[in-house]
Amino acid sequence: MKPEEGIVFPKIGDLITTERALALCRHFGLNHLIRRIEEAPEAYKAWTFDGCSCLPDEVMGLVTGCDWQDITDQCCLPHDLRYAYGELGNEEEREEADEAFYSDLVAKAGMEEWRASTFLIAVRVGGVEKFGLSFSWGFAHRREESPHGNHGDGDM
């Protein structure tokens, strides 16, 4: 699946500003995220698109037999948007994001269900908010310094 006219999918390493995220959310029909971002754009920071986190995209295509560009653009990108702007502490929304990722892998990338299930397990385990990683739930939220001196958004 190739991008529609007018939308340019980010390349790995591209900076995703709030403005660019809004355009991508519009493309994918992520209306709940559009409303959330528009209500408080200052609550979010720019982030770097890493494709399919923790696994080189070309390798993901190789091991699944699917077009890696479809996986990156049609599955990992909307999943990253859902994770970046997901409501902090909302495990139900996170689970919905992960289920949508699984569905996209099967429907949009043509991945076999059993293979997609392994990636679903990986994001369920690895994307936990409390890990605070660059791909953890809510990673685009700006976070204030905690009373313990930790910087939640990585900016020092």
C-alpha atoms as a PDB file:
ATOM      1  CA  MET A   1       0.000   0.000   0.000  1.00  0.00           C
ATOM      2  CA  LYS A   2       1.521   3.319  -1.026  1.00  0.00           C
ATOM      3  CA  PRO A   3       0.799   6.714   0.535  1.00  0.00           C
ATOM      4  CA  GLU A   4      -2.102   8.694  -0.848  1.00  0.00           C
ATOM      5  CA  GLU A   5      -1.380  11.888  -2.712  1.00  0.00           C
ATOM      6  CA  GLY A   6      -0.512  14.656  -0.274  1.00  0.00           C
ATOM      7  CA  ILE A   7       0.682  12.480   2.594  1.00  0.00           C
ATOM      8  CA  VAL A   8       4.372  11.733   2.985  1.00  0.00           C
ATOM      9  CA  PHE A   9       5.192   8.933   5.359  1.00  0.00           C
ATOM     10  CA  PRO A  10       8.202   9.570   7.559  1.00  0.00           C
ATOM     11  CA  LYS A  11      11.433   7.760   6.998  1.00  0.00           C
ATOM     12  CA  ILE A  12      13.233   6.113   9.881  1.00  0.00           C
ATOM     13  CA  GLY A  13      15.072   8.851  11.754  1.00  0.00           C
ATOM     14  CA  ASP A  14      12.613  11.616  10.787  1.00  0.00           C
ATOM     15  CA  LEU A  15      11.435  13.991  13.498  1.00  0.00           C
ATOM     16  CA  ILE A  16       7.693  13.828  14.146  1.00  0.00           C
ATOM     17  CA  THR A  17       6.476  17.222  15.275  1.00  0.00           C
ATOM     18  CA  THR A  18       3.021  17.717  16.720  1.00  0.00           C
ATOM     19  CA  GLU A  19       1.938  19.296  13.410  1.00  0.00           C
ATOM     20  CA  ARG A  20       3.203  16.321  11.422  1.00  0.00           C
ATOM     21  CA  ALA A  21       1.611  13.896  13.885  1.00  0.00           C
ATOM     22  CA  LEU A  22      -1.743  15.622  13.384  1.00  0.00           C
ATOM     23  CA  ALA A  23      -1.476  15.195   9.595  1.00  0.00           C
ATOM     24  CA  LEU A  24      -0.592  11.517  10.013  1.00  0.00           C
ATOM     25  CA  CYS A  25      -3.422  10.980  12.508  1.00  0.00           C
ATOM     26  CA  ARG A  26      -5.824  12.527   9.988  1.00  0.00           C
ATOM     27  CA  HIS A  27      -4.526  10.172   7.310  1.00  0.00           C
ATOM     28  CA  PHE A  28      -5.097   7.120   9.511  1.00  0.00           C
ATOM     29  CA  GLY A  29      -8.435   8.366  10.874  1.00  0.00           C
ATOM     30  CA  LEU A  30      -7.207   8.504  14.480  1.00  0.00           C
ATOM     31  CA  ASN A  31      -9.792  11.094  15.458  1.00  0.00           C
ATOM     32  CA  HIS A  32      -9.507  10.540  19.209  1.00  0.00           C
ATOM     33  CA  LEU A  33      -5.808  11.409  18.979  1.00  0.00           C
ATOM     34  CA  ILE A  34      -6.485  14.466  16.819  1.00  0.00           C
ATOM     35  CA  ARG A  35      -8.883  15.820  19.457  1.00  0.00           C
ATOM     36  CA  ARG A  36      -6.432  15.023  22.264  1.00  0.00           C
ATOM     37  CA  ILE A  37      -3.489  16.719  20.550  1.00  0.00           C
ATOM     38  CA  GLU A  38      -5.507  19.762  19.458  1.00  0.00           C
ATOM     39  CA  GLU A  39      -6.823  20.258  23.015  1.00  0.00           C
ATOM     40  CA  ALA A  40      -3.305  20.523  24.480  1.00  0.00           C
ATOM     41  CA  PRO A  41      -0.541  20.626  21.828  1.00  0.00           C
ATOM     42  CA  GLU A  42       1.918  21.958  24.394  1.00  0.00           C
ATOM     43  CA  ALA A  43       1.607  18.686  26.327  1.00  0.00           C
ATOM     44  CA  TYR A  44       3.569  16.821  23.659  1.00  0.00           C
ATOM     45  CA  LYS A  45       7.136  16.841  22.444  1.00  0.00           C
ATOM     46  CA  ALA A  46       8.575  15.979  19.041  1.00  0.00           C
ATOM     47  CA  TRP A  47       9.920  12.445  18.663  1.00  0.00           C
ATOM     48  CA  THR A  48      12.013  10.466  16.232  1.00  0.00           C
ATOM     49  CA  PHE A  49      10.313   7.811  14.127  1.00  0.00           C
ATOM     50  CA  ASP A  50      12.158   4.521  14.562  1.00  0.00           C
ATOM     51  CA  GLY A  51      10.043   2.328  12.292  1.00  0.00           C
ATOM     52  CA  CYS A  52       9.263  -0.984  13.932  1.00  0.00           C
ATOM     53  CA  SER A  53      10.939  -0.448  17.291  1.00  0.00           C
ATOM     54  CA  CYS A  54      13.661  -2.897  18.360  1.00  0.00           C
ATOM     55  CA  LEU A  55      13.801  -4.712  15.029  1.00  0.00           C
ATOM     56  CA  PRO A  56      15.221  -3.453  11.728  1.00  0.00           C
ATOM     57  CA  ASP A  57      12.247  -3.055   9.390  1.00  0.00           C
ATOM     58  CA  GLU A  58      13.899  -4.922   6.533  1.00  0.00           C
ATOM     59  CA  VAL A  59      14.525  -7.873   8.852  1.00  0.00           C
ATOM     60  CA  MET A  60      10.870  -7.860   9.904  1.00  0.00           C
ATOM     61  CA  GLY A  61       9.918  -8.125   6.241  1.00  0.00           C
ATOM     62  CA  LEU A  62      12.416 -10.903   5.677  1.00  0.00           C
ATOM     63  CA  VAL A  63      11.276 -13.057   8.603  1.00  0.00           C
ATOM     64  CA  THR A  64       7.567 -12.540   7.898  1.00  0.00           C
ATOM     65  CA  GLY A  65       7.573 -12.718   4.099  1.00  0.00           C
ATOM     66  CA  CYS A  66       5.689  -9.402   3.964  1.00  0.00           C
ATOM     67  CA  ASP A  67       6.675  -6.118   2.337  1.00  0.00           C
ATOM     68  CA  TRP A  68       8.637  -4.321   5.057  1.00  0.00           C
ATOM     69  CA  GLN A  69       7.534  -0.900   3.774  1.00  0.00           C
ATOM     70  CA  ASP A  70       3.864  -1.881   4.236  1.00  0.00           C
ATOM     71  CA  ILE A  71       4.656  -3.092   7.754  1.00  0.00           C
ATOM     72  CA  THR A  72       6.470   0.161   8.567  1.00  0.00           C
ATOM     73  CA  ASP A  73       4.012   2.620   7.003  1.00  0.00           C
ATOM     74  CA  GLN A  74       0.666   0.887   7.495  1.00  0.00           C
ATOM     75  CA  CYS A  75       1.228  -0.956  10.774  1.00  0.00           C
ATOM     76  CA  CYS A  76       4.135   0.383  12.850  1.00  0.00           C
ATOM     77  CA  LEU A  77       3.509   4.077  12.114  1.00  0.00           C
ATOM     78  CA  PRO A  78      -0.145   4.166  13.256  1.00  0.00           C
ATOM     79  CA  HIS A  79       0.829   2.022  16.256  1.00  0.00           C
ATOM     80  CA  ASP A  80       3.567   4.523  17.137  1.00  0.00           C
ATOM     81  CA  LEU A  81       1.062   7.378  16.871  1.00  0.00           C
ATOM     82  CA  ARG A  82      -1.345   5.562  19.185  1.00  0.00           C
ATOM     83  CA  TYR A  83       1.490   4.939  21.650  1.00  0.00           C
ATOM     84  CA  ALA A  84       3.003   8.429  21.423  1.00  0.00           C
ATOM     85  CA  TYR A  85      -0.271  10.219  22.175  1.00  0.00           C
ATOM     86  CA  GLY A  86      -1.987   7.529  24.223  1.00  0.00           C
ATOM     87  CA  GLU A  87      -3.573   8.649  27.467  1.00  0.00           C
ATOM     88  CA  LEU A  88      -1.148   8.035  30.298  1.00  0.00           C
ATOM     89  CA  GLY A  89      -2.292   5.285  32.629  1.00  0.00           C
ATOM     90  CA  ASN A  90      -5.014   4.085  30.243  1.00  0.00           C
ATOM     91  CA  GLU A  91      -4.291   0.380  29.880  1.00  0.00           C
ATOM     92  CA  GLU A  92      -7.554  -0.229  28.012  1.00  0.00           C
ATOM     93  CA  GLU A  93      -6.556   2.261  25.307  1.00  0.00           C
ATOM     94  CA  ARG A  94      -3.098   0.667  25.114  1.00  0.00           C
ATOM     95  CA  GLU A  95      -4.631  -2.769  24.641  1.00  0.00           C
ATOM     96  CA  GLU A  96      -6.858  -1.381  21.863  1.00  0.00           C
ATOM     97  CA  ALA A  97      -3.759   0.117  20.187  1.00  0.00           C
ATOM     98  CA  ASP A  98      -2.001  -3.238  20.319  1.00  0.00           C
ATOM     99  CA  GLU A  99      -5.032  -5.105  18.960  1.00  0.00           C
ATOM    100  CA  ALA A 100      -5.233  -2.572  16.089  1.00  0.00           C
ATOM    101  CA  PHE A 101      -1.532  -3.240  15.393  1.00  0.00           C
ATOM    102  CA  TYR A 102      -2.213  -6.968  15.190  1.00  0.00           C
ATOM    103  CA  SER A 103      -5.190  -6.376  12.872  1.00  0.00           C
ATOM    104  CA  ASP A 104      -3.127  -4.062  10.657  1.00  0.00           C
ATOM    105  CA  LEU A 105      -0.333  -6.635  10.390  1.00  0.00           C
ATOM    106  CA  VAL A 106      -2.823  -9.227   9.158  1.00  0.00           C
ATOM    107  CA  ALA A 107      -5.105  -7.046   7.015  1.00  0.00           C
ATOM    108  CA  LYS A 108      -2.754  -4.385   5.647  1.00  0.00           C
ATOM    109  CA  ALA A 109       0.585  -6.209   5.487  1.00  0.00           C
ATOM    110  CA  GLY A 110      -0.807  -9.678   4.775  1.00  0.00           C
ATOM    111  CA  MET A 111       1.016 -11.282   7.691  1.00  0.00           C
ATOM    112  CA  GLU A 112      -0.011 -14.745   8.835  1.00  0.00           C
ATOM    113  CA  GLU A 113      -1.996 -14.599  12.077  1.00  0.00           C
ATOM    114  CA  TRP A 114       0.454 -16.738  14.039  1.00  0.00           C
ATOM    115  CA  ARG A 115       3.332 -14.407  13.084  1.00  0.00           C
ATOM    116  CA  ALA A 116       1.292 -11.304  13.899  1.00  0.00           C
ATOM    117  CA  SER A 117       0.531 -12.864  17.295  1.00  0.00           C
ATOM    118  CA  THR A 118       4.239 -12.953  18.131  1.00  0.00           C
ATOM    119  CA  PHE A 119       4.496  -9.212  17.445  1.00  0.00           C
ATOM    120  CA  LEU A 120       1.360  -8.599  19.509  1.00  0.00           C
ATOM    121  CA  ILE A 121       2.995 -10.384  22.444  1.00  0.00           C
ATOM    122  CA  ALA A 122       6.171  -8.337  21.956  1.00  0.00           C
ATOM    123  CA  VAL A 123       4.372  -4.981  22.098  1.00  0.00           C
ATOM    124  CA  ARG A 124       2.239  -6.068  25.053  1.00  0.00           C
ATOM    125  CA  VAL A 125       5.365  -6.984  27.016  1.00  0.00           C
ATOM    126  CA  GLY A 126       7.786  -4.325  25.766  1.00  0.00           C
ATOM    127  CA  GLY A 127       5.540  -1.274  25.504  1.00  0.00           C
ATOM    128  CA  VAL A 128       4.622  -0.934  29.165  1.00  0.00           C
ATOM    129  CA  GLU A 129       4.396   2.729  30.214  1.00  0.00           C
ATOM    130  CA  LYS A 130       6.417   2.336  33.406  1.00  0.00           C
ATOM    131  CA  PHE A 131       9.477   1.235  31.402  1.00  0.00           C
ATOM    132  CA  GLY A 132       9.779   4.854  30.190  1.00  0.00           C
ATOM    133  CA  LEU A 133      11.534   3.864  26.969  1.00  0.00           C
ATOM    134  CA  SER A 134      11.484   5.769  23.688  1.00  0.00           C
ATOM    135  CA  PHE A 135       8.695   3.469  22.496  1.00  0.00           C
ATOM    136  CA  SER A 136       6.779   2.956  25.771  1.00  0.00           C
ATOM    137  CA  TRP A 137       3.131   3.943  26.071  1.00  0.00           C
ATOM    138  CA  GLY A 138       2.736   7.736  26.113  1.00  0.00           C
ATOM    139  CA  PHE A 139       6.292   8.443  24.954  1.00  0.00           C
ATOM    140  CA  ALA A 140       5.486  11.826  23.327  1.00  0.00           C
ATOM    141  CA  HIS A 141       4.016  13.285  26.519  1.00  0.00           C
ATOM    142  CA  ARG A 142       6.057  15.997  28.165  1.00  0.00           C
ATOM    143  CA  ARG A 143       6.645  15.009  31.751  1.00  0.00           C
ATOM    144  CA  GLU A 144       7.572  17.231  34.620  1.00  0.00           C
ATOM    145  CA  GLU A 145      10.527  16.431  36.803  1.00  0.00           C
ATOM    146  CA  SER A 146       9.399  14.068  39.521  1.00  0.00           C
ATOM    147  CA  PRO A 147      10.014  14.835  43.203  1.00  0.00           C
ATOM    148  CA  HIS A 148      12.717  12.142  43.032  1.00  0.00           C
ATOM    149  CA  GLY A 149      14.720  14.058  40.428  1.00  0.00           C
ATOM    150  CA  ASN A 150      13.899  11.887  37.392  1.00  0.00           C
ATOM    151  CA  HIS A 151      13.189  13.562  34.094  1.00  0.00           C
ATOM    152  CA  GLY A 152      10.245  11.807  32.457  1.00  0.00           C
ATOM    153  CA  ASP A 153      10.754  13.245  28.969  1.00  0.00           C
ATOM    154  CA  GLY A 154      14.476  12.644  28.698  1.00  0.00           C
ATOM    155  CA  ASP A 155      15.252  16.377  28.403  1.00  0.00           C
ATOM    156  CA  MET A 156      17.933  17.500  30.795  1.00  0.00           C
END
